[in-house]
Amino acid sequence: MELRESFGETVRSIRRSKGLAQGEIGTNQGFISELESGLKAPTLPKIAEIAKKLGLHPITLLTATYETMGPENAEELLAKVTSELEHLKQLKT
């Protein structure tokens, strides 16, 4: 599954589990429909907006998206991110 499809499926799943309509998570219901169908890809500001309306941090939404794609689960993904951030901090010093 490609990233765009995984993001759309993740948004749809979370939105439905919270009992939200498409129009409640985006200013344009048509865009959200196309996004959930994998036809559109969001910009970073849109990811942040959608995550906020879903009651999530954008990193949580992206982690859930990548977890859907596999093979790593959320814990493995977050451990990898933590390790990479620590490495980046060391490069700055």
PDB file of N, CA and C in Angstrom:
ATOM      1  N   MET A   1       0.842  -1.173   0.000  1.00  0.00           N
ATOM      2  CA  MET A   1       0.000   0.000   0.000  1.00  0.00           C
ATOM      3  C   MET A   1       0.890   1.239   0.000  1.00  0.00           C
ATOM      4  N   GLU A   2       0.515   2.204  -0.799  1.00  0.00           N
ATOM      5  CA  GLU A   2       1.325   3.415  -0.853  1.00  0.00           C
ATOM      6  C   GLU A   2       0.916   4.398   0.240  1.00  0.00           C
ATOM      7  N   LEU A   3       1.764   5.348   0.490  1.00  0.00           N
ATOM      8  CA  LEU A   3       1.584   6.301   1.586  1.00  0.00           C
ATOM      9  C   LEU A   3       0.262   7.059   1.496  1.00  0.00           C
ATOM     10  N   ARG A   4      -0.072   7.535   0.331  1.00  0.00           N
ATOM     11  CA  ARG A   4      -1.302   8.320   0.160  1.00  0.00           C
ATOM     12  C   ARG A   4      -2.534   7.487   0.547  1.00  0.00           C
ATOM     13  N   GLU A   5      -2.564   6.236   0.100  1.00  0.00           N
ATOM     14  CA  GLU A   5      -3.693   5.354   0.431  1.00  0.00           C
ATOM     15  C   GLU A   5      -3.732   5.054   1.928  1.00  0.00           C
ATOM     16  N   SER A   6      -2.577   4.797   2.501  1.00  0.00           N
ATOM     17  CA  SER A   6      -2.501   4.488   3.923  1.00  0.00           C
ATOM     18  C   SER A   6      -2.964   5.675   4.761  1.00  0.00           C
ATOM     19  N   PHE A   7      -2.559   6.877   4.374  1.00  0.00           N
ATOM     20  CA  PHE A   7      -2.982   8.065   5.114  1.00  0.00           C
ATOM     21  C   PHE A   7      -4.500   8.195   5.054  1.00  0.00           C
ATOM     22  N   GLY A   8      -5.061   8.051   3.877  1.00  0.00           N
ATOM     23  CA  GLY A   8      -6.514   8.160   3.718  1.00  0.00           C
ATOM     24  C   GLY A   8      -7.272   7.128   4.529  1.00  0.00           C
ATOM     25  N   GLU A   9      -6.807   5.893   4.495  1.00  0.00           N
ATOM     26  CA  GLU A   9      -7.465   4.834   5.265  1.00  0.00           C
ATOM     27  C   GLU A   9      -7.349   5.086   6.766  1.00  0.00           C
ATOM     28  N   THR A  10      -6.204   5.592   7.193  1.00  0.00           N
ATOM     29  CA  THR A  10      -5.996   5.884   8.611  1.00  0.00           C
ATOM     30  C   THR A  10      -6.923   7.000   9.065  1.00  0.00           C
ATOM     31  N   VAL A  11      -7.016   8.064   8.289  1.00  0.00           N
ATOM     32  CA  VAL A  11      -7.908   9.179   8.629  1.00  0.00           C
ATOM     33  C   VAL A  11      -9.350   8.681   8.694  1.00  0.00           C
ATOM     34  N   ARG A  12      -9.769   7.913   7.694  1.00  0.00           N
ATOM     35  CA  ARG A  12     -11.141   7.401   7.670  1.00  0.00           C
ATOM     36  C   ARG A  12     -11.435   6.556   8.908  1.00  0.00           C
ATOM     37  N   SER A  13     -10.523   5.669   9.228  1.00  0.00           N
ATOM     38  CA  SER A  13     -10.716   4.775  10.367  1.00  0.00           C
ATOM     39  C   SER A  13     -10.841   5.551  11.679  1.00  0.00           C
ATOM     40  N   ILE A  14      -9.935   6.494  11.891  1.00  0.00           N
ATOM     41  CA  ILE A  14      -9.964   7.286  13.128  1.00  0.00           C
ATOM     42  C   ILE A  14     -11.218   8.160  13.167  1.00  0.00           C
ATOM     43  N   ARG A  15     -11.527   8.793  12.051  1.00  0.00           N
ATOM     44  CA  ARG A  15     -12.704   9.671  11.981  1.00  0.00           C
ATOM     45  C   ARG A  15     -13.968   8.886  12.319  1.00  0.00           C
ATOM     46  N   ARG A  16     -14.131   7.725  11.717  1.00  0.00           N
ATOM     47  CA  ARG A  16     -15.319   6.906  11.969  1.00  0.00           C
ATOM     48  C   ARG A  16     -15.367   6.415  13.414  1.00  0.00           C
ATOM     49  N   SER A  17     -14.206   6.027  13.951  1.00  0.00           N
ATOM     50  CA  SER A  17     -14.192   5.534  15.331  1.00  0.00           C
ATOM     51  C   SER A  17     -14.581   6.622  16.326  1.00  0.00           C
ATOM     52  N   LYS A  18     -14.375   7.878  15.936  1.00  0.00           N
ATOM     53  CA  LYS A  18     -14.741   9.011  16.801  1.00  0.00           C
ATOM     54  C   LYS A  18     -16.132   9.549  16.471  1.00  0.00           C
ATOM     55  N   GLY A  19     -16.795   8.935  15.497  1.00  0.00           N
ATOM     56  CA  GLY A  19     -18.147   9.343  15.135  1.00  0.00           C
ATOM     57  C   GLY A  19     -18.234  10.698  14.461  1.00  0.00           C
ATOM     58  N   LEU A  20     -17.193  11.053  13.725  1.00  0.00           N
ATOM     59  CA  LEU A  20     -17.150  12.360  13.066  1.00  0.00           C
ATOM     60  C   LEU A  20     -17.506  12.231  11.586  1.00  0.00           C
ATOM     61  N   ALA A  21     -18.197  13.233  11.063  1.00  0.00           N
ATOM     62  CA  ALA A  21     -18.468  13.314   9.632  1.00  0.00           C
ATOM     63  C   ALA A  21     -17.250  13.911   8.932  1.00  0.00           C
ATOM     64  N   GLN A  22     -17.153  13.678   7.637  1.00  0.00           N
ATOM     65  CA  GLN A  22     -16.019  14.219   6.880  1.00  0.00           C
ATOM     66  C   GLN A  22     -15.926  15.733   7.016  1.00  0.00           C
ATOM     67  N   GLY A  23     -17.041  16.407   6.997  1.00  0.00           N
ATOM     68  CA  GLY A  23     -17.055  17.868   7.098  1.00  0.00           C
ATOM     69  C   GLY A  23     -16.569  18.397   8.438  1.00  0.00           C
ATOM     70  N   GLU A  24     -16.540  17.528   9.441  1.00  0.00           N
ATOM     71  CA  GLU A  24     -16.099  17.960  10.766  1.00  0.00           C
ATOM     72  C   GLU A  24     -14.581  17.981  10.905  1.00  0.00           C
ATOM     73  N   ILE A  25     -13.876  17.372   9.962  1.00  0.00           N
ATOM     74  CA  ILE A  25     -12.409  17.355  10.074  1.00  0.00           C
ATOM     75  C   ILE A  25     -11.722  18.154   8.983  1.00  0.00           C
ATOM     76  N   GLY A  26     -12.503  18.774   8.136  1.00  0.00           N
ATOM     77  CA  GLY A  26     -11.912  19.586   7.083  1.00  0.00           C
ATOM     78  C   GLY A  26     -12.890  20.637   6.615  1.00  0.00           C
ATOM     79  N   THR A  27     -12.370  21.719   6.119  1.00  0.00           N
ATOM     80  CA  THR A  27     -13.232  22.792   5.653  1.00  0.00           C
ATOM     81  C   THR A  27     -13.941  22.402   4.361  1.00  0.00           C
ATOM     82  N   ASN A  28     -13.418  21.411   3.664  1.00  0.00           N
ATOM     83  CA  ASN A  28     -13.982  20.993   2.393  1.00  0.00           C
ATOM     84  C   ASN A  28     -14.247  19.485   2.435  1.00  0.00           C
ATOM     85  N   GLN A  29     -15.504  19.097   2.543  1.00  0.00           N
ATOM     86  CA  GLN A  29     -15.870  17.691   2.643  1.00  0.00           C
ATOM     87  C   GLN A  29     -15.407  16.919   1.408  1.00  0.00           C
ATOM     88  N   GLY A  30     -15.463  17.548   0.240  1.00  0.00           N
ATOM     89  CA  GLY A  30     -15.021  16.890  -0.994  1.00  0.00           C
ATOM     90  C   GLY A  30     -13.547  16.531  -0.952  1.00  0.00           C
ATOM     91  N   PHE A  31     -12.735  17.438  -0.409  1.00  0.00           N
ATOM     92  CA  PHE A  31     -11.302  17.168  -0.287  1.00  0.00           C
ATOM     93  C   PHE A  31     -11.057  15.997   0.653  1.00  0.00           C
ATOM     94  N   ILE A  32     -11.773  15.971   1.787  1.00  0.00           N
ATOM     95  CA  ILE A  32     -11.601  14.882   2.747  1.00  0.00           C
ATOM     96  C   ILE A  32     -12.011  13.558   2.109  1.00  0.00           C
ATOM     97  N   SER A  33     -13.068  13.565   1.329  1.00  0.00           N
ATOM     98  CA  SER A  33     -13.505  12.359   0.625  1.00  0.00           C
ATOM     99  C   SER A  33     -12.418  11.859  -0.321  1.00  0.00           C
ATOM    100  N   GLU A  34     -11.838  12.764  -1.092  1.00  0.00           N
ATOM    101  CA  GLU A  34     -10.771  12.396  -2.020  1.00  0.00           C
ATOM    102  C   GLU A  34      -9.520  11.947  -1.266  1.00  0.00           C
ATOM    103  N   LEU A  35      -9.244  12.585  -0.144  1.00  0.00           N
ATOM    104  CA  LEU A  35      -8.102  12.214   0.686  1.00  0.00           C
ATOM    105  C   LEU A  35      -8.279  10.787   1.214  1.00  0.00           C
ATOM    106  N   GLU A  36      -9.454  10.509   1.768  1.00  0.00           N
ATOM    107  CA  GLU A  36      -9.717   9.186   2.317  1.00  0.00           C
ATOM    108  C   GLU A  36      -9.718   8.100   1.249  1.00  0.00           C
ATOM    109  N   SER A  37     -10.010   8.477   0.025  1.00  0.00           N
ATOM    110  CA  SER A  37      -9.996   7.525  -1.091  1.00  0.00           C
ATOM    111  C   SER A  37      -8.606   7.339  -1.685  1.00  0.00           C
ATOM    112  N   GLY A  38      -7.637   8.101  -1.199  1.00  0.00           N
ATOM    113  CA  GLY A  38      -6.275   8.004  -1.707  1.00  0.00           C
ATOM    114  C   GLY A  38      -6.051   8.768  -2.991  1.00  0.00           C
ATOM    115  N   LEU A  39      -7.012   9.620  -3.358  1.00  0.00           N
ATOM    116  CA  LEU A  39      -6.890  10.385  -4.598  1.00  0.00           C
ATOM    117  C   LEU A  39      -6.113  11.686  -4.418  1.00  0.00           C
ATOM    118  N   LYS A  40      -6.099  12.204  -3.206  1.00  0.00           N
ATOM    119  CA  LYS A  40      -5.392  13.455  -2.898  1.00  0.00           C
ATOM    120  C   LYS A  40      -4.372  13.211  -1.798  1.00  0.00           C
ATOM    121  N   ALA A  41      -3.329  14.020  -1.804  1.00  0.00           N
ATOM    122  CA  ALA A  41      -2.306  13.979  -0.750  1.00  0.00           C
ATOM    123  C   ALA A  41      -2.330  15.315  -0.018  1.00  0.00           C
ATOM    124  N   PRO A  42      -2.292  15.291   1.312  1.00  0.00           N
ATOM    125  CA  PRO A  42      -2.344  16.541   2.059  1.00  0.00           C
ATOM    126  C   PRO A  42      -0.984  17.222   2.156  1.00  0.00           C
ATOM    127  N   THR A  43      -1.025  18.531   2.346  1.00  0.00           N
ATOM    128  CA  THR A  43       0.183  19.293   2.652  1.00  0.00           C
ATOM    129  C   THR A  43       0.444  19.162   4.154  1.00  0.00           C
ATOM    130  N   LEU A  44       1.610  19.589   4.600  1.00  0.00           N
ATOM    131  CA  LEU A  44       1.907  19.554   6.038  1.00  0.00           C
ATOM    132  C   LEU A  44       0.901  20.361   6.861  1.00  0.00           C
ATOM    133  N   PRO A  45       0.538  21.576   6.439  1.00  0.00           N
ATOM    134  CA  PRO A  45      -0.471  22.303   7.213  1.00  0.00           C
ATOM    135  C   PRO A  45      -1.805  21.558   7.286  1.00  0.00           C
ATOM    136  N   LYS A  46      -2.201  20.883   6.204  1.00  0.00           N
ATOM    137  CA  LYS A  46      -3.444  20.118   6.207  1.00  0.00           C
ATOM    138  C   LYS A  46      -3.348  18.924   7.148  1.00  0.00           C
ATOM    139  N   ILE A  47      -2.197  18.264   7.176  1.00  0.00           N
ATOM    140  CA  ILE A  47      -2.009  17.148   8.109  1.00  0.00           C
ATOM    141  C   ILE A  47      -2.197  17.642   9.535  1.00  0.00           C
ATOM    142  N   ALA A  48      -1.591  18.785   9.853  1.00  0.00           N
ATOM    143  CA  ALA A  48      -1.717  19.357  11.201  1.00  0.00           C
ATOM    144  C   ALA A  48      -3.167  19.716  11.506  1.00  0.00           C
ATOM    145  N   GLU A  49      -3.864  20.286  10.553  1.00  0.00           N
ATOM    146  CA  GLU A  49      -5.271  20.672  10.741  1.00  0.00           C
ATOM    147  C   GLU A  49      -6.150  19.444  10.969  1.00  0.00           C
ATOM    148  N   ILE A  50      -5.971  18.427  10.143  1.00  0.00           N
ATOM    149  CA  ILE A  50      -6.770  17.203  10.268  1.00  0.00           C
ATOM    150  C   ILE A  50      -6.484  16.517  11.604  1.00  0.00           C
ATOM    151  N   ALA A  51      -5.215  16.422  11.960  1.00  0.00           N
ATOM    152  CA  ALA A  51      -4.849  15.795  13.233  1.00  0.00           C
ATOM    153  C   ALA A  51      -5.508  16.529  14.399  1.00  0.00           C
ATOM    154  N   LYS A  52      -5.458  17.841  14.378  1.00  0.00           N
ATOM    155  CA  LYS A  52      -6.059  18.633  15.460  1.00  0.00           C
ATOM    156  C   LYS A  52      -7.559  18.361  15.562  1.00  0.00           C
ATOM    157  N   LYS A  53      -8.227  18.319  14.424  1.00  0.00           N
ATOM    158  CA  LYS A  53      -9.673  18.080  14.436  1.00  0.00           C
ATOM    159  C   LYS A  53     -10.010  16.649  14.854  1.00  0.00           C
ATOM    160  N   LEU A  54      -9.052  15.736  14.694  1.00  0.00           N
ATOM    161  CA  LEU A  54      -9.237  14.364  15.171  1.00  0.00           C
ATOM    162  C   LEU A  54      -8.825  14.226  16.637  1.00  0.00           C
ATOM    163  N   GLY A  55      -8.293  15.308  17.210  1.00  0.00           N
ATOM    164  CA  GLY A  55      -7.851  15.285  18.603  1.00  0.00           C
ATOM    165  C   GLY A  55      -6.526  14.586  18.798  1.00  0.00           C
ATOM    166  N   LEU A  56      -5.666  14.668  17.770  1.00  0.00           N
ATOM    167  CA  LEU A  56      -4.373  13.987  17.791  1.00  0.00           C
ATOM    168  C   LEU A  56      -3.231  14.957  17.510  1.00  0.00           C
ATOM    169  N   HIS A  57      -2.044  14.556  17.902  1.00  0.00           N
ATOM    170  CA  HIS A  57      -0.831  15.259  17.478  1.00  0.00           C
ATOM    171  C   HIS A  57      -0.531  14.779  16.054  1.00  0.00           C
ATOM    172  N   PRO A  58      -0.029  15.634  15.178  1.00  0.00           N
ATOM    173  CA  PRO A  58       0.291  15.199  13.818  1.00  0.00           C
ATOM    174  C   PRO A  58       1.229  13.985  13.768  1.00  0.00           C
ATOM    175  N   ILE A  59       2.157  13.892  14.714  1.00  0.00           N
ATOM    176  CA  ILE A  59       3.067  12.744  14.722  1.00  0.00           C
ATOM    177  C   ILE A  59       2.308  11.460  15.016  1.00  0.00           C
ATOM    178  N   THR A  60       1.276  11.539  15.851  1.00  0.00           N
ATOM    179  CA  THR A  60       0.459  10.365  16.130  1.00  0.00           C
ATOM    180  C   THR A  60      -0.255   9.907  14.861  1.00  0.00           C
ATOM    181  N   LEU A  61      -0.809  10.859  14.129  1.00  0.00           N
ATOM    182  CA  LEU A  61      -1.503  10.528  12.883  1.00  0.00           C
ATOM    183  C   LEU A  61      -0.541   9.911  11.866  1.00  0.00           C
ATOM    184  N   LEU A  62       0.644  10.478  11.747  1.00  0.00           N
ATOM    185  CA  LEU A  62       1.629   9.931  10.806  1.00  0.00           C
ATOM    186  C   LEU A  62       2.141   8.564  11.259  1.00  0.00           C
ATOM    187  N   THR A  63       2.331   8.382  12.552  1.00  0.00           N
ATOM    188  CA  THR A  63       2.773   7.080  13.060  1.00  0.00           C
ATOM    189  C   THR A  63       1.720   6.017  12.770  1.00  0.00           C
ATOM    190  N   ALA A  64       0.450   6.361  13.004  1.00  0.00           N
ATOM    191  CA  ALA A  64      -0.630   5.417  12.707  1.00  0.00           C
ATOM    192  C   ALA A  64      -0.663   5.094  11.212  1.00  0.00           C
ATOM    193  N   THR A  65      -0.384   6.082  10.383  1.00  0.00           N
ATOM    194  CA  THR A  65      -0.347   5.871   8.933  1.00  0.00           C
ATOM    195  C   THR A  65       0.761   4.892   8.557  1.00  0.00           C
ATOM    196  N   TYR A  66       1.951   5.109   9.069  1.00  0.00           N
ATOM    197  CA  TYR A  66       3.076   4.230   8.751  1.00  0.00           C
ATOM    198  C   TYR A  66       2.897   2.847   9.357  1.00  0.00           C
ATOM    199  N   GLU A  67       2.241   2.774  10.515  1.00  0.00           N
ATOM    200  CA  GLU A  67       1.967   1.468  11.117  1.00  0.00           C
ATOM    201  C   GLU A  67       1.043   0.660  10.211  1.00  0.00           C
ATOM    202  N   THR A  68       0.069   1.326   9.595  1.00  0.00           N
ATOM    203  CA  THR A  68      -0.839   0.660   8.669  1.00  0.00           C
ATOM    204  C   THR A  68      -0.088   0.074   7.484  1.00  0.00           C
ATOM    205  N   MET A  69       0.964   0.760   7.067  1.00  0.00           N
ATOM    206  CA  MET A  69       1.755   0.294   5.925  1.00  0.00           C
ATOM    207  C   MET A  69       2.647  -0.887   6.298  1.00  0.00           C
ATOM    208  N   GLY A  70       3.007  -0.988   7.615  1.00  0.00           N
ATOM    209  CA  GLY A  70       3.883  -2.066   8.066  1.00  0.00           C
ATOM    210  C   GLY A  70       5.271  -1.938   7.479  1.00  0.00           C
ATOM    211  N   PRO A  71       6.185  -2.777   7.820  1.00  0.00           N
ATOM    212  CA  PRO A  71       6.056  -3.926   8.713  1.00  0.00           C
ATOM    213  C   PRO A  71       6.226  -3.559  10.184  1.00  0.00           C
ATOM    214  N   GLU A  72       6.674  -2.325  10.466  1.00  0.00           N
ATOM    215  CA  GLU A  72       6.939  -1.941  11.853  1.00  0.00           C
ATOM    216  C   GLU A  72       5.643  -1.526  12.554  1.00  0.00           C
ATOM    217  N   ASN A  73       5.558  -1.851  13.850  1.00  0.00           N
ATOM    218  CA  ASN A  73       4.415  -1.382  14.623  1.00  0.00           C
ATOM    219  C   ASN A  73       4.751  -0.009  15.212  1.00  0.00           C
ATOM    220  N   ALA A  74       3.775   0.602  15.864  1.00  0.00           N
ATOM    221  CA  ALA A  74       3.953   1.964  16.372  1.00  0.00           C
ATOM    222  C   ALA A  74       5.119   2.069  17.344  1.00  0.00           C
ATOM    223  N   GLU A  75       5.262   1.086  18.228  1.00  0.00           N
ATOM    224  CA  GLU A  75       6.348   1.129  19.209  1.00  0.00           C
ATOM    225  C   GLU A  75       7.714   1.100  18.527  1.00  0.00           C
ATOM    226  N   GLU A  76       7.843   0.270  17.501  1.00  0.00           N
ATOM    227  CA  GLU A  76       9.110   0.192  16.764  1.00  0.00           C
ATOM    228  C   GLU A  76       9.380   1.492  16.012  1.00  0.00           C
ATOM    229  N   LEU A  77       8.337   2.053  15.409  1.00  0.00           N
ATOM    230  CA  LEU A  77       8.500   3.318  14.694  1.00  0.00           C
ATOM    231  C   LEU A  77       8.931   4.439  15.634  1.00  0.00           C
ATOM    232  N   LEU A  78       8.282   4.520  16.793  1.00  0.00           N
ATOM    233  CA  LEU A  78       8.614   5.588  17.739  1.00  0.00           C
ATOM    234  C   LEU A  78      10.007   5.399  18.336  1.00  0.00           C
ATOM    235  N   ALA A  79      10.423   4.160  18.539  1.00  0.00           N
ATOM    236  CA  ALA A  79      11.780   3.904  19.021  1.00  0.00           C
ATOM    237  C   ALA A  79      12.801   4.363  17.979  1.00  0.00           C
ATOM    238  N   LYS A  80      12.483   4.113  16.720  1.00  0.00           N
ATOM    239  CA  LYS A  80      13.375   4.537  15.630  1.00  0.00           C
ATOM    240  C   LYS A  80      13.458   6.064  15.580  1.00  0.00           C
ATOM    241  N   VAL A  81      12.321   6.731  15.687  1.00  0.00           N
ATOM    242  CA  VAL A  81      12.287   8.197  15.673  1.00  0.00           C
ATOM    243  C   VAL A  81      13.083   8.755  16.846  1.00  0.00           C
ATOM    244  N   THR A  82      12.881   8.191  18.033  1.00  0.00           N
ATOM    245  CA  THR A  82      13.612   8.645  19.218  1.00  0.00           C
ATOM    246  C   THR A  82      15.114   8.513  19.017  1.00  0.00           C
ATOM    247  N   SER A  83      15.533   7.386  18.489  1.00  0.00           N
ATOM    248  CA  SER A  83      16.954   7.144  18.229  1.00  0.00           C
ATOM    249  C   SER A  83      17.509   8.152  17.218  1.00  0.00           C
ATOM    250  N   GLU A  84      16.760   8.384  16.149  1.00  0.00           N
ATOM    251  CA  GLU A  84      17.217   9.320  15.123  1.00  0.00           C
ATOM    252  C   GLU A  84      17.280  10.752  15.664  1.00  0.00           C
ATOM    253  N   LEU A  85      16.326  11.129  16.511  1.00  0.00           N
ATOM    254  CA  LEU A  85      16.354  12.469  17.105  1.00  0.00           C
ATOM    255  C   LEU A  85      17.556  12.633  18.027  1.00  0.00           C
ATOM    256  N   GLU A  86      17.852  11.606  18.801  1.00  0.00           N
ATOM    257  CA  GLU A  86      19.035  11.651  19.666  1.00  0.00           C
ATOM    258  C   GLU A  86      20.303  11.806  18.844  1.00  0.00           C
ATOM    259  N   HIS A  87      20.362  11.089  17.724  1.00  0.00           N
ATOM    260  CA  HIS A  87      21.534  11.187  16.846  1.00  0.00           C
ATOM    261  C   HIS A  87      21.648  12.615  16.278  1.00  0.00           C
ATOM    262  N   LEU A  88      20.534  13.195  15.890  1.00  0.00           N
ATOM    263  CA  LEU A  88      20.555  14.568  15.367  1.00  0.00           C
ATOM    264  C   LEU A  88      21.016  15.574  16.424  1.00  0.00           C
ATOM    265  N   LYS A  89      20.602  15.355  17.674  1.00  0.00           N
ATOM    266  CA  LYS A  89      21.054  16.237  18.763  1.00  0.00           C
ATOM    267  C   LYS A  89      22.572  16.159  18.917  1.00  0.00           C
ATOM    268  N   GLN A  90      23.108  14.966  18.811  1.00  0.00           N
ATOM    269  CA  GLN A  90      24.558  14.772  18.952  1.00  0.00           C
ATOM    270  C   GLN A  90      25.303  15.463  17.816  1.00  0.00           C
ATOM    271  N   LEU A  91      24.739  15.491  16.644  1.00  0.00           N
ATOM    272  CA  LEU A  91      25.376  16.151  15.505  1.00  0.00           C
ATOM    273  C   LEU A  91      25.449  17.654  15.702  1.00  0.00           C
ATOM    274  N   LYS A  92      24.501  18.217  16.429  1.00  0.00           N
ATOM    275  CA  LYS A  92      24.468  19.668  16.659  1.00  0.00           C
ATOM    276  C   LYS A  92      25.545  20.110  17.640  1.00  0.00           C
ATOM    277  N   THR A  93      25.957  19.213  18.515  1.00  0.00           N
ATOM    278  CA  THR A  93      26.923  19.604  19.558  1.00  0.00           C
ATOM    279  C   THR A  93      28.349  19.364  19.134  1.00  0.00           C
TER     280      THR A  93
END
